[in-house]
């Protein structure tokens, strides 16, 4: 569920907290686990939002059909009731079990947000003009993605609600939105579709995150010395803390993760710096880690296996 990009960002955030608060490594590893779980539950909360939104539409469809508002009733049936993604969520026993396990009553206790979101969608020009005459899978997917992009991500009330509800969720907002959007795009609308049950994609991902975190902390002095060598015009105190952490993480992947290609590490951390640091950070980090990579290669300090050397 959480991929390597997400894990790199999570480790980066925890390391940044460590440098700011000087917390103990064991405490931070616990925080890493807690934040990973919260990230997963944020994802599940989105699924529950769509499920409850479908149920709200179904209730309103009964009302408008009884009042002979045939066009409104038809729109709701065609766009929402028959949507296979929403039907999948509505029938999912797995989703309900996860909700019960983690006591996710967030929408039950704040149903007014569901009602408000329904009204916003139902009264929109988008909803009333959306064409789904063929009821194709592609049209169903476009409808769901459009609702997510136009009515959920950009809704100030929902954003504020997330900010007030759970510490740390707003920090994950861009990341979780990207992940959820990819989930919607990859949803196959078949019986093989499933609700993600695990926080990590596999056990190796969890080991990777913990190992990366520990290695950066353990080798902090060595990493600082190495970075100083290749930033002669910069004292480490002048380099932004986040940039320094990103460089250290990238170096550690070069040296201690044999199966990860160096280009993958470089590209990942440069992209992360663009999203989380300053606009100039990408070029600066790319230049520093590139020079360090050349030095490590020259000294035969890279132990890459066949996969990592690609």
Protein backbone atom coordinates (compact mmCIF):
# COMPACT_ATOMS: atom_id res chain seq x y z
CA UNK A 1 0.00 0.00 0.00
CA UNK A 2 2.67 2.46 1.07
CA UNK A 3 5.39 2.39 -1.60
CA UNK A 4 9.09 3.24 -1.36
CA UNK A 5 8.51 6.91 -2.26
CA UNK A 6 6.07 7.24 0.64
CA UNK A 7 8.49 5.47 2.98
CA UNK A 8 11.36 7.76 2.00
CA UNK A 9 9.18 10.76 2.78
CA UNK A 10 8.06 9.28 6.10
CA UNK A 11 11.66 8.55 7.15
CA UNK A 12 12.69 12.05 6.05
CA UNK A 13 9.92 13.61 8.15
CA UNK A 14 10.85 11.58 11.24
CA UNK A 15 14.55 12.40 10.85
CA UNK A 16 13.67 16.06 10.53
CA UNK A 17 11.71 15.78 13.79
CA UNK A 18 14.73 14.13 15.41
CA UNK A 19 17.07 16.95 14.42
CA UNK A 20 14.54 19.51 15.63
CA UNK A 21 13.66 17.87 18.97
CA UNK A 22 16.69 15.62 19.57
CA UNK A 23 14.40 12.66 20.31
CA UNK A 24 15.68 9.16 21.00
CA UNK A 25 15.87 6.71 18.04
CA UNK A 26 13.55 4.16 19.70
CA UNK A 27 10.92 6.81 20.23
CA UNK A 28 11.19 7.90 16.62
CA UNK A 29 10.88 4.34 15.28
CA UNK A 30 7.65 4.06 17.22
CA UNK A 31 6.50 7.35 15.71
CA UNK A 32 7.37 6.01 12.24
CA UNK A 33 5.09 3.01 12.84
CA UNK A 34 2.32 5.20 14.22
CA UNK A 35 2.47 7.62 11.30
CA UNK A 36 2.50 4.80 8.78
CA UNK A 37 -0.65 3.40 10.37
CA UNK A 38 -2.27 6.85 10.36
CA UNK A 39 -1.39 7.18 6.68
CA UNK A 40 -3.13 3.88 5.96
CA UNK A 41 -6.19 4.90 7.98
CA UNK A 42 -6.33 8.19 6.07
CA UNK A 43 -6.58 6.13 2.88
CA UNK A 44 -9.34 3.97 4.37
CA UNK A 45 -11.16 7.12 5.50
CA UNK A 46 -11.35 8.23 1.87
CA UNK A 47 -12.86 4.87 0.90
CA UNK A 48 -15.43 5.23 3.67
CA UNK A 49 -16.20 8.75 2.47
CA UNK A 50 -17.06 7.46 -0.99
CA UNK A 51 -19.06 4.59 0.46
CA UNK A 52 -21.14 6.86 2.69
CA UNK A 53 -21.56 9.37 -0.12
CA UNK A 54 -23.04 6.62 -2.30
CA UNK A 55 -25.46 5.71 0.51
CA UNK A 56 -26.47 9.36 0.84
CA UNK A 57 -27.22 9.50 -2.88
CA UNK A 58 -29.23 6.27 -2.62
CA UNK A 59 -31.37 7.76 0.16
CA UNK A 60 -31.97 10.93 -1.81
CA UNK A 61 -32.84 8.92 -4.92
CA UNK A 62 -35.69 7.28 -3.00
CA UNK A 63 -37.01 10.69 -2.01
CA UNK A 64 -36.88 12.27 -5.47
CA UNK A 65 -38.36 9.17 -7.15
CA UNK A 66 -41.31 9.25 -4.76
CA UNK A 67 -41.86 12.90 -5.68
CA UNK A 68 -41.75 12.03 -9.40
CA UNK A 69 -38.58 14.03 -10.07
CA UNK A 70 -37.75 11.49 -12.75
CA UNK A 71 -34.78 13.29 -14.29
CA UNK A 72 -33.05 13.72 -10.91
CA UNK A 73 -33.74 10.11 -10.03
CA UNK A 74 -32.34 8.93 -13.36
CA UNK A 75 -29.17 10.98 -12.93
CA UNK A 76 -28.51 9.52 -9.50
CA UNK A 77 -29.15 5.97 -10.69
CA UNK A 78 -26.97 6.29 -13.77
CA UNK A 79 -24.05 8.15 -12.20
CA UNK A 80 -23.99 6.85 -8.64
CA UNK A 81 -26.20 3.83 -7.94
CA UNK A 82 -24.89 1.88 -10.94
CA UNK A 83 -21.26 2.90 -10.46
CA UNK A 84 -19.36 -0.34 -9.88
CA UNK A 85 -16.62 1.24 -7.76
CA UNK A 86 -19.18 2.68 -5.35
CA UNK A 87 -21.11 -0.58 -5.32
CA UNK A 88 -17.91 -2.46 -4.53
CA UNK A 89 -17.28 -0.22 -1.52
CA UNK A 90 -20.88 -0.43 -0.39
CA UNK A 91 -20.84 -4.23 -0.37
CA UNK A 92 -17.30 -4.69 0.96
CA UNK A 93 -17.24 -6.67 4.19
CA UNK A 94 -13.49 -6.05 4.37
CA UNK A 95 -13.96 -2.29 4.46
CA UNK A 96 -16.54 -2.63 7.22
CA UNK A 97 -14.23 -4.90 9.25
CA UNK A 98 -11.39 -2.37 8.99
CA UNK A 99 -13.77 0.37 10.07
CA UNK A 100 -14.79 -1.63 13.15
CA UNK A 101 -11.24 -2.75 13.96
CA UNK A 102 -9.90 0.81 14.07
CA UNK A 103 -13.14 2.39 15.30
CA UNK A 104 -13.34 4.70 12.29
CA UNK A 105 -16.57 6.55 13.05
CA UNK A 106 -15.36 9.77 11.52
CA UNK A 107 -18.19 10.08 8.98
CA UNK A 108 -20.84 8.62 11.29
CA UNK A 109 -20.11 11.35 13.78
CA UNK A 110 -19.86 14.07 11.13
CA UNK A 111 -22.61 13.12 8.73
CA UNK A 112 -23.34 16.77 8.02
CA UNK A 113 -20.18 16.80 5.88
CA UNK A 114 -21.53 13.92 3.79
CA UNK A 115 -24.83 15.74 3.38
CA UNK A 116 -23.05 18.95 2.46
CA UNK A 117 -20.85 17.16 -0.07
CA UNK A 118 -23.88 15.43 -1.60
CA UNK A 119 -25.65 18.76 -2.05
CA UNK A 120 -22.57 20.36 -3.58
CA UNK A 121 -22.18 17.55 -6.12
CA UNK A 122 -25.90 17.12 -6.83
CA UNK A 123 -26.46 20.80 -7.53
CA UNK A 124 -23.32 21.22 -9.62
CA UNK A 125 -23.22 21.84 -13.34
CA UNK A 126 -20.76 18.96 -13.59
CA UNK A 127 -23.26 16.43 -12.18
CA UNK A 128 -26.17 17.62 -14.25
CA UNK A 129 -24.25 17.68 -17.51
CA UNK A 130 -22.13 14.55 -17.08
CA UNK A 131 -22.85 12.08 -19.87
CA UNK A 132 -22.94 8.42 -18.94
CA UNK A 133 -25.35 7.07 -21.49
CA UNK A 134 -23.28 3.99 -22.24
CA UNK A 135 -22.52 3.38 -18.55
CA UNK A 136 -19.05 2.22 -19.57
CA UNK A 137 -16.24 1.43 -17.17
CA UNK A 138 -14.22 4.35 -18.51
CA UNK A 139 -17.09 6.76 -17.90
CA UNK A 140 -17.60 5.41 -14.38
CA UNK A 141 -13.92 5.87 -13.64
CA UNK A 142 -13.90 9.43 -15.02
CA UNK A 143 -16.91 10.28 -12.87
CA UNK A 144 -15.29 9.03 -9.65
CA UNK A 145 -11.95 10.70 -10.37
CA UNK A 146 -13.71 13.97 -11.24
CA UNK A 147 -15.66 13.89 -7.97
CA UNK A 148 -12.45 13.30 -6.04
CA UNK A 149 -10.51 16.06 -7.81
CA UNK A 150 -13.22 18.70 -8.00
CA UNK A 151 -15.28 18.19 -4.86
CA UNK A 152 -13.11 16.48 -2.25
CA UNK A 153 -9.48 17.50 -2.68
CA UNK A 154 -10.38 21.14 -3.21
CA UNK A 155 -13.06 21.37 -0.54
CA UNK A 156 -11.96 23.78 2.18
CA UNK A 157 -14.36 22.33 4.76
CA UNK A 158 -13.05 18.80 4.30
CA UNK A 159 -9.45 20.01 4.43
CA UNK A 160 -10.18 21.94 7.62
CA UNK A 161 -11.97 18.92 9.04
CA UNK A 162 -8.94 16.70 8.41
CA UNK A 163 -6.66 19.32 9.94
CA UNK A 164 -8.78 19.43 13.10
CA UNK A 165 -9.43 15.68 13.31
CA UNK A 166 -6.05 14.00 13.29
CA UNK A 167 -2.58 15.37 14.00
CA UNK A 168 -0.33 14.89 10.99
CA UNK A 169 -3.00 14.21 8.39
CA UNK A 170 -2.65 17.59 6.73
CA UNK A 171 1.10 16.96 6.31
CA UNK A 172 0.16 13.85 4.35
CA UNK A 173 -2.60 15.52 2.34
CA UNK A 174 -0.71 15.88 -1.00
CA UNK A 175 0.81 12.41 -0.66
CA UNK A 176 -2.42 10.62 0.24
CA UNK A 177 -4.29 12.44 -2.53
CA UNK A 178 -1.72 11.26 -5.06
CA UNK A 179 -1.87 7.69 -3.74
CA UNK A 180 -5.66 7.61 -3.71
CA UNK A 181 -5.86 9.06 -7.20
CA UNK A 182 -3.54 6.32 -8.46
CA UNK A 183 -5.75 3.74 -6.72
CA UNK A 184 -8.80 5.09 -8.56
CA UNK A 185 -6.96 5.07 -11.88
CA UNK A 186 -5.78 1.49 -11.40
CA UNK A 187 -9.11 0.14 -10.10
CA UNK A 188 -10.09 -2.56 -12.60
CA UNK A 189 -13.83 -2.80 -11.91
CA UNK A 190 -13.60 -6.59 -11.71
CA UNK A 191 -14.15 -9.22 -9.02
CA UNK A 192 -10.37 -9.22 -8.43
CA UNK A 193 -10.42 -5.72 -6.96
CA UNK A 194 -9.63 -5.64 -3.26
CA UNK A 195 -9.41 -3.27 -0.32
CA UNK A 196 -5.72 -2.87 0.69
CA UNK A 197 -5.24 -4.79 3.94
CA UNK A 198 -1.63 -3.94 4.73
CA UNK A 199 0.19 -0.73 5.48
CA UNK A 200 3.37 -1.92 3.78
CA UNK A 201 3.53 -3.54 0.36
CA UNK A 202 5.56 -6.39 1.88
CA UNK A 203 7.85 -7.17 4.82
CA UNK A 204 10.87 -5.93 2.88
CA UNK A 205 9.39 -2.44 2.69
CA UNK A 206 9.08 -2.25 6.46
CA UNK A 207 12.65 -3.54 6.89
CA UNK A 208 13.83 -0.98 4.33
CA UNK A 209 12.28 1.95 6.20
CA UNK A 210 13.63 0.88 9.59
CA UNK A 211 17.09 0.13 8.22
CA UNK A 212 17.32 3.46 6.37
CA UNK A 213 16.29 5.38 9.47
CA UNK A 214 18.80 3.59 11.74
CA UNK A 215 21.71 3.83 9.31
CA UNK A 216 21.33 7.58 8.80
CA UNK A 217 21.35 8.15 12.57
CA UNK A 218 24.23 5.73 13.21
CA UNK A 219 26.48 7.29 10.56
CA UNK A 220 25.54 10.90 11.14
CA UNK A 221 29.08 12.17 11.92
CA UNK A 222 30.60 10.30 8.99
CA UNK A 223 27.93 11.61 6.66
CA UNK A 224 28.45 15.18 7.84
CA UNK A 225 32.18 14.92 7.15
CA UNK A 226 31.56 13.51 3.68
CA UNK A 227 29.09 16.24 2.80
CA UNK A 228 31.46 18.96 4.09
CA UNK A 229 34.15 17.62 1.76
CA UNK A 230 31.92 18.18 -1.29
CA UNK A 231 30.40 21.47 -0.22
CA UNK A 232 33.56 23.53 0.42
CA UNK A 233 31.74 26.82 -0.07
CA UNK A 234 29.05 25.82 2.39
CA UNK A 235 29.23 25.11 6.09
CA UNK A 236 26.76 22.39 7.09
CA UNK A 237 25.02 24.91 9.33
CA UNK A 238 24.20 26.96 6.23
CA UNK A 239 22.64 24.04 4.38
CA UNK A 240 18.91 23.71 5.05
CA UNK A 241 18.26 20.88 7.52
CA UNK A 242 15.86 19.17 5.16
CA UNK A 243 18.36 19.27 2.28
CA UNK A 244 21.04 17.86 4.57
CA UNK A 245 18.75 14.98 5.59
CA UNK A 246 17.83 14.21 1.99
CA UNK A 247 21.51 14.09 0.98
CA UNK A 248 22.33 11.78 3.92
CA UNK A 249 19.50 9.42 3.04
CA UNK A 250 20.60 9.27 -0.57
CA UNK A 251 24.23 8.53 0.39
CA UNK A 252 23.07 5.74 2.71
CA UNK A 253 21.09 4.16 -0.11
CA UNK A 254 24.22 4.32 -2.27
CA UNK A 255 26.33 2.57 0.35
CA UNK A 256 24.05 0.23 2.30
CA UNK A 257 21.27 -0.91 -0.04
CA UNK A 258 22.85 -3.17 -2.66
CA UNK A 259 19.65 -3.86 -4.60
CA UNK A 260 18.62 -0.23 -5.19
CA UNK A 261 20.11 1.27 -8.38
CA UNK A 262 21.98 4.51 -7.73
CA UNK A 263 19.98 6.35 -10.39
CA UNK A 264 16.75 5.35 -8.69
CA UNK A 265 17.99 6.76 -5.39
CA UNK A 266 19.19 9.99 -7.00
CA UNK A 267 16.01 10.57 -8.98
CA UNK A 268 13.78 9.80 -5.99
CA UNK A 269 15.51 12.19 -3.62
CA UNK A 270 15.78 15.00 -6.16
CA UNK A 271 12.03 14.72 -6.79
CA UNK A 272 11.28 14.63 -3.08
CA UNK A 273 13.38 17.77 -2.56
CA UNK A 274 11.36 19.58 -5.22
CA UNK A 275 8.13 18.80 -3.36
CA UNK A 276 9.29 19.34 0.21
CA UNK A 277 12.19 21.78 0.15
CA UNK A 278 13.01 25.00 -1.70
CA UNK A 279 12.82 25.43 -5.50
CA UNK A 280 16.64 25.51 -5.71
CA UNK A 281 17.16 22.39 -3.62
CA UNK A 282 16.78 19.92 -6.47
CA UNK A 283 19.75 21.23 -8.41
CA UNK A 284 21.88 21.67 -5.28
CA UNK A 285 21.18 18.13 -4.01
CA UNK A 286 21.68 16.60 -7.44
CA UNK A 287 25.09 18.25 -7.78
CA UNK A 288 26.28 17.23 -4.30
CA UNK A 289 25.15 13.59 -4.43
CA UNK A 290 26.49 13.24 -7.97
CA UNK A 291 29.98 14.28 -6.84
CA UNK A 292 29.78 12.05 -3.78
CA UNK A 293 28.66 9.14 -5.96
CA UNK A 294 31.72 9.58 -8.20
CA UNK A 295 33.99 9.60 -5.15
CA UNK A 296 32.39 6.49 -3.63
CA UNK A 297 32.61 4.67 -6.97
CA UNK A 298 36.28 5.60 -7.36
CA UNK A 299 37.02 4.25 -3.88
CA UNK A 300 35.01 1.06 -4.49
CA UNK A 301 32.69 1.86 -1.59
CA UNK A 302 29.55 0.93 -3.50
CA UNK A 303 28.47 -2.66 -2.97
CA UNK A 304 25.73 -3.09 -5.53
CA UNK A 305 24.38 -6.44 -6.61
CA UNK A 306 23.28 -7.15 -10.18
CA UNK A 307 19.94 -5.40 -9.71
CA UNK A 308 21.46 -2.41 -7.92
CA UNK A 309 24.11 -1.87 -10.57
CA UNK A 310 21.58 -1.49 -13.36
